[in-house]
């Protein structure tokens, strides 16, 4: 397939991931209620602000800053398009806490 031809298999996935402006939900289970955002970058920024307020280790703060940083919107969009959600664990003391980001709408993970 020539490089200019963008109608081959997998094109839908690439387009969905690169243009992920549709609504998403973020939550830190047991800490924050699920919050709806119309755009992925806004959701990621709010999630980072919430995580910054938690008593996480410096390593954990660094991990989440890398995972949900502003330059990672396309990567997170791709994960959402292919897997339906992005999950990670934050450890508050020794308690694992699920951090989730997933699309709004029918078929979204519960």
N, C-alpha and C. Protein backbone atom coordinates (compact mmCIF):
# COMPACT_ATOMS: atom_id res chain seq x y z
N UNK A 1 0.85 -1.18 0.00
CA UNK A 1 0.00 0.00 0.00
C UNK A 1 0.89 1.23 0.00
N UNK A 2 0.66 2.18 -0.91
CA UNK A 2 1.44 3.41 -0.93
C UNK A 2 1.23 4.21 0.34
N UNK A 3 2.25 4.99 0.72
CA UNK A 3 2.15 5.78 1.94
C UNK A 3 1.00 6.75 1.91
N UNK A 4 0.63 7.27 0.76
CA UNK A 4 -0.46 8.23 0.66
C UNK A 4 -1.84 7.60 0.80
N UNK A 5 -1.94 6.29 0.63
CA UNK A 5 -3.23 5.60 0.72
C UNK A 5 -3.56 5.32 2.18
N UNK A 6 -4.56 5.96 2.71
CA UNK A 6 -4.91 5.81 4.12
C UNK A 6 -6.25 5.10 4.29
N UNK A 7 -6.61 4.27 3.34
CA UNK A 7 -7.91 3.61 3.44
C UNK A 7 -7.78 2.12 3.71
N UNK A 8 -6.61 1.67 4.07
CA UNK A 8 -6.38 0.26 4.31
C UNK A 8 -6.84 -0.18 5.68
N UNK A 9 -6.67 -1.48 5.99
CA UNK A 9 -7.06 -2.01 7.30
C UNK A 9 -6.32 -1.28 8.42
N UNK A 10 -7.03 -1.03 9.48
CA UNK A 10 -6.43 -0.38 10.64
C UNK A 10 -6.51 1.14 10.61
N UNK A 11 -6.92 1.70 9.47
CA UNK A 11 -7.02 3.15 9.36
C UNK A 11 -7.99 3.71 10.39
N UNK A 12 -9.12 3.02 10.58
CA UNK A 12 -10.12 3.50 11.53
C UNK A 12 -9.53 3.63 12.92
N UNK A 13 -8.71 2.67 13.31
CA UNK A 13 -8.10 2.68 14.64
C UNK A 13 -7.15 3.86 14.78
N UNK A 14 -6.33 4.10 13.78
CA UNK A 14 -5.38 5.20 13.83
C UNK A 14 -6.13 6.53 13.90
N UNK A 15 -7.17 6.70 13.10
CA UNK A 15 -7.94 7.93 13.12
C UNK A 15 -8.65 8.13 14.44
N UNK A 16 -9.21 7.05 15.00
CA UNK A 16 -9.91 7.15 16.29
C UNK A 16 -8.95 7.56 17.40
N UNK A 17 -7.76 6.98 17.39
CA UNK A 17 -6.80 7.28 18.45
C UNK A 17 -6.23 8.68 18.32
N UNK A 18 -5.98 9.13 17.09
CA UNK A 18 -5.35 10.43 16.93
C UNK A 18 -6.34 11.57 17.12
N UNK A 19 -7.63 11.31 16.98
CA UNK A 19 -8.62 12.37 17.17
C UNK A 19 -9.59 11.94 18.25
N UNK A 20 -9.13 11.85 19.47
CA UNK A 20 -9.93 11.35 20.58
C UNK A 20 -10.50 12.50 21.39
N UNK A 21 -11.36 13.32 20.76
CA UNK A 21 -11.94 14.42 21.53
C UNK A 21 -13.23 14.04 22.24
N UNK A 22 -13.75 12.80 22.00
CA UNK A 22 -15.04 12.48 22.58
C UNK A 22 -14.93 12.29 24.08
N UNK A 23 -16.06 12.37 24.77
CA UNK A 23 -16.08 12.40 26.23
C UNK A 23 -15.47 11.17 26.90
N UNK A 24 -14.80 11.44 28.01
CA UNK A 24 -14.19 10.38 28.82
C UNK A 24 -14.53 10.61 30.29
N UNK A 25 -14.33 9.57 31.07
CA UNK A 25 -14.54 9.61 32.51
C UNK A 25 -13.22 9.24 33.19
N UNK A 26 -12.88 9.96 34.25
CA UNK A 26 -11.71 9.63 35.05
C UNK A 26 -12.15 9.43 36.49
N UNK A 27 -11.46 8.54 37.18
CA UNK A 27 -11.74 8.35 38.59
C UNK A 27 -10.53 7.74 39.29
N UNK A 28 -10.44 8.02 40.56
CA UNK A 28 -9.50 7.36 41.45
C UNK A 28 -10.39 6.67 42.47
N UNK A 29 -10.57 5.38 42.28
CA UNK A 29 -11.55 4.64 43.10
C UNK A 29 -11.32 4.83 44.59
N UNK A 30 -12.42 5.14 45.27
CA UNK A 30 -12.36 5.32 46.70
C UNK A 30 -11.84 6.68 47.13
N UNK A 31 -11.40 7.49 46.16
CA UNK A 31 -10.85 8.81 46.48
C UNK A 31 -11.67 9.91 45.81
N UNK A 32 -11.95 9.75 44.52
CA UNK A 32 -12.74 10.73 43.78
C UNK A 32 -13.91 10.03 43.10
N UNK A 33 -14.98 10.75 42.94
CA UNK A 33 -16.11 10.23 42.17
C UNK A 33 -15.74 10.28 40.69
N UNK A 34 -16.35 9.44 39.86
CA UNK A 34 -16.09 9.54 38.42
C UNK A 34 -16.45 10.95 37.92
N UNK A 35 -15.56 11.53 37.14
CA UNK A 35 -15.77 12.87 36.60
C UNK A 35 -15.77 12.80 35.07
N UNK A 36 -16.73 13.46 34.46
CA UNK A 36 -16.88 13.46 33.00
C UNK A 36 -16.15 14.66 32.40
N UNK A 37 -15.48 14.43 31.28
CA UNK A 37 -14.79 15.50 30.55
C UNK A 37 -15.10 15.34 29.08
N UNK A 38 -15.27 16.46 28.39
CA UNK A 38 -15.58 16.38 26.97
C UNK A 38 -14.34 16.13 26.11
N UNK A 39 -13.16 16.41 26.65
CA UNK A 39 -11.92 16.21 25.87
C UNK A 39 -10.89 15.47 26.71
N UNK A 40 -10.19 14.56 26.05
CA UNK A 40 -9.19 13.74 26.71
C UNK A 40 -8.08 14.56 27.39
N UNK A 41 -7.48 15.57 26.73
CA UNK A 41 -6.42 16.34 27.41
C UNK A 41 -6.90 16.99 28.71
N UNK A 42 -8.14 17.48 28.72
CA UNK A 42 -8.68 18.09 29.94
C UNK A 42 -8.82 17.04 31.05
N UNK A 43 -9.27 15.85 30.68
CA UNK A 43 -9.42 14.77 31.65
C UNK A 43 -8.07 14.37 32.23
N UNK A 44 -7.06 14.27 31.38
CA UNK A 44 -5.73 13.87 31.83
C UNK A 44 -5.14 14.92 32.77
N UNK A 45 -5.34 16.20 32.46
CA UNK A 45 -4.83 17.28 33.31
C UNK A 45 -5.51 17.26 34.68
N UNK A 46 -6.82 17.06 34.69
CA UNK A 46 -7.55 17.01 35.96
C UNK A 46 -7.13 15.79 36.78
N UNK A 47 -6.91 14.68 36.11
CA UNK A 47 -6.48 13.47 36.81
C UNK A 47 -5.12 13.68 37.46
N UNK A 48 -4.20 14.31 36.74
CA UNK A 48 -2.89 14.59 37.31
C UNK A 48 -2.98 15.52 38.52
N UNK A 49 -3.86 16.52 38.45
CA UNK A 49 -4.04 17.42 39.59
C UNK A 49 -4.55 16.65 40.81
N UNK A 50 -5.50 15.74 40.58
CA UNK A 50 -6.03 14.93 41.68
C UNK A 50 -4.94 14.04 42.26
N UNK A 51 -4.15 13.43 41.41
CA UNK A 51 -3.09 12.54 41.88
C UNK A 51 -1.99 13.32 42.62
N UNK A 52 -1.75 14.56 42.19
CA UNK A 52 -0.75 15.39 42.87
C UNK A 52 -1.12 15.68 44.32
N UNK A 53 -2.41 15.66 44.61
CA UNK A 53 -2.89 15.96 45.96
C UNK A 53 -2.77 14.75 46.90
N UNK A 54 -2.53 13.58 46.33
CA UNK A 54 -2.47 12.36 47.14
C UNK A 54 -1.07 12.14 47.70
N UNK A 55 -0.99 11.47 48.85
CA UNK A 55 0.33 11.19 49.45
C UNK A 55 1.01 10.00 48.78
N UNK A 56 1.41 10.20 47.53
CA UNK A 56 2.10 9.15 46.78
C UNK A 56 3.61 9.36 46.90
N UNK A 57 4.34 8.29 46.67
CA UNK A 57 5.80 8.40 46.69
C UNK A 57 6.25 9.23 45.49
N UNK A 58 7.46 9.78 45.55
CA UNK A 58 7.97 10.53 44.39
C UNK A 58 8.01 9.67 43.12
N UNK A 59 8.33 8.39 43.27
CA UNK A 59 8.34 7.50 42.10
C UNK A 59 6.96 7.39 41.48
N UNK A 60 5.93 7.27 42.33
CA UNK A 60 4.57 7.16 41.81
C UNK A 60 4.14 8.46 41.12
N UNK A 61 4.46 9.59 41.74
CA UNK A 61 4.13 10.87 41.11
C UNK A 61 4.80 10.97 39.74
N UNK A 62 6.05 10.55 39.65
CA UNK A 62 6.75 10.57 38.37
C UNK A 62 6.13 9.64 37.35
N UNK A 63 5.72 8.46 37.80
CA UNK A 63 5.08 7.49 36.91
C UNK A 63 3.80 8.08 36.32
N UNK A 64 2.95 8.65 37.18
CA UNK A 64 1.68 9.20 36.69
C UNK A 64 1.91 10.44 35.83
N UNK A 65 2.92 11.24 36.14
CA UNK A 65 3.23 12.41 35.32
C UNK A 65 3.64 11.97 33.91
N UNK A 66 4.36 10.86 33.82
CA UNK A 66 4.73 10.31 32.51
C UNK A 66 3.54 9.71 31.79
N UNK A 67 2.76 8.92 32.52
CA UNK A 67 1.63 8.20 31.91
C UNK A 67 0.56 9.16 31.40
N UNK A 68 0.20 10.16 32.20
CA UNK A 68 -0.89 11.06 31.86
C UNK A 68 -0.44 12.48 31.52
N UNK A 69 0.83 12.65 31.22
CA UNK A 69 1.35 13.97 30.87
C UNK A 69 0.72 14.51 29.59
N UNK A 70 0.79 15.81 29.37
CA UNK A 70 0.12 16.44 28.23
C UNK A 70 0.60 15.92 26.87
N UNK A 71 1.82 15.44 26.80
CA UNK A 71 2.32 14.93 25.52
C UNK A 71 1.85 13.50 25.23
N UNK A 72 1.16 12.89 26.18
CA UNK A 72 0.73 11.50 26.03
C UNK A 72 -0.72 11.34 25.59
N UNK A 73 -1.39 12.42 25.21
CA UNK A 73 -2.81 12.33 24.83
C UNK A 73 -3.02 11.37 23.66
N UNK A 74 -2.16 11.39 22.67
CA UNK A 74 -2.33 10.49 21.53
C UNK A 74 -2.13 9.04 21.97
N UNK A 75 -1.14 8.79 22.80
CA UNK A 75 -0.89 7.44 23.29
C UNK A 75 -2.07 6.92 24.12
N UNK A 76 -2.58 7.77 25.01
CA UNK A 76 -3.72 7.37 25.83
C UNK A 76 -4.95 7.18 24.94
N UNK A 77 -5.14 8.06 23.96
CA UNK A 77 -6.23 7.90 23.01
C UNK A 77 -6.16 6.58 22.27
N UNK A 78 -4.95 6.20 21.90
CA UNK A 78 -4.76 4.91 21.22
C UNK A 78 -5.13 3.76 22.14
N UNK A 79 -4.69 3.83 23.39
CA UNK A 79 -5.03 2.78 24.36
C UNK A 79 -6.54 2.70 24.58
N UNK A 80 -7.19 3.85 24.65
CA UNK A 80 -8.65 3.85 24.82
C UNK A 80 -9.33 3.24 23.60
N UNK A 81 -8.84 3.58 22.42
CA UNK A 81 -9.44 3.06 21.19
C UNK A 81 -9.23 1.56 21.06
N UNK A 82 -8.10 1.05 21.53
CA UNK A 82 -7.81 -0.38 21.36
C UNK A 82 -8.26 -1.23 22.54
N UNK A 83 -8.21 -0.69 23.75
CA UNK A 83 -8.51 -1.49 24.94
C UNK A 83 -9.77 -1.05 25.68
N UNK A 84 -10.31 0.13 25.37
CA UNK A 84 -11.54 0.58 26.00
C UNK A 84 -11.36 1.30 27.32
N UNK A 85 -10.20 1.23 27.92
CA UNK A 85 -9.92 1.96 29.15
C UNK A 85 -8.42 1.93 29.43
N UNK A 86 -8.00 2.82 30.32
CA UNK A 86 -6.63 2.83 30.81
C UNK A 86 -6.73 2.73 32.32
N UNK A 87 -6.03 1.76 32.89
CA UNK A 87 -6.01 1.54 34.34
C UNK A 87 -4.59 1.53 34.84
N UNK A 88 -4.43 2.02 36.05
CA UNK A 88 -3.13 1.95 36.73
C UNK A 88 -3.41 1.85 38.22
N UNK A 89 -2.42 1.45 38.97
CA UNK A 89 -2.56 1.37 40.43
C UNK A 89 -1.74 2.45 41.10
N UNK A 90 -2.36 3.11 42.05
CA UNK A 90 -1.66 4.04 42.93
C UNK A 90 -1.67 3.39 44.31
N UNK A 91 -0.56 3.47 45.01
CA UNK A 91 -0.49 2.88 46.34
C UNK A 91 -0.52 3.99 47.39
N UNK A 92 -1.64 4.03 48.13
CA UNK A 92 -1.78 4.97 49.25
C UNK A 92 -1.42 4.18 50.48
N UNK A 93 -0.25 4.46 51.03
CA UNK A 93 0.38 3.61 52.04
C UNK A 93 0.56 2.24 51.39
N UNK A 94 -0.08 1.22 51.91
CA UNK A 94 0.04 -0.11 51.29
C UNK A 94 -1.24 -0.52 50.58
N UNK A 95 -2.17 0.42 50.45
CA UNK A 95 -3.46 0.11 49.83
C UNK A 95 -3.44 0.42 48.34
N UNK A 96 -3.65 -0.60 47.50
CA UNK A 96 -3.72 -0.34 46.06
C UNK A 96 -5.03 0.38 45.72
N UNK A 97 -4.92 1.42 44.92
CA UNK A 97 -6.08 2.21 44.52
C UNK A 97 -6.09 2.29 43.00
N UNK A 98 -7.23 1.94 42.40
CA UNK A 98 -7.34 1.91 40.95
C UNK A 98 -7.58 3.32 40.40
N UNK A 99 -6.76 3.68 39.41
CA UNK A 99 -6.90 4.93 38.67
C UNK A 99 -7.41 4.52 37.29
N UNK A 100 -8.56 5.08 36.88
CA UNK A 100 -9.18 4.66 35.61
C UNK A 100 -9.51 5.86 34.73
N UNK A 101 -9.41 5.63 33.45
CA UNK A 101 -9.82 6.58 32.43
C UNK A 101 -10.52 5.76 31.36
N UNK A 102 -11.77 6.11 31.02
CA UNK A 102 -12.52 5.32 30.05
C UNK A 102 -13.54 6.21 29.34
N UNK A 103 -14.02 5.76 28.16
CA UNK A 103 -14.95 6.58 27.39
C UNK A 103 -16.34 6.63 28.02
N UNK A 104 -17.04 7.71 27.77
CA UNK A 104 -18.44 7.85 28.18
C UNK A 104 -19.29 7.14 27.14
N UNK A 105 -20.37 6.53 27.56
CA UNK A 105 -21.32 6.01 26.60
C UNK A 105 -21.54 4.52 26.72
N UNK A 106 -22.44 4.04 25.86
CA UNK A 106 -22.74 2.61 25.88
C UNK A 106 -21.51 1.78 25.56
N UNK A 107 -21.40 0.69 26.22
CA UNK A 107 -20.27 -0.20 26.00
C UNK A 107 -19.04 0.18 26.77
N UNK A 108 -19.10 1.28 27.54
CA UNK A 108 -17.95 1.68 28.34
C UNK A 108 -17.79 0.72 29.49
N UNK A 109 -16.56 0.43 29.91
CA UNK A 109 -16.33 -0.48 31.03
C UNK A 109 -17.00 0.06 32.29
N UNK A 110 -17.46 -0.81 33.13
CA UNK A 110 -18.11 -0.39 34.37
C UNK A 110 -17.29 -0.75 35.58
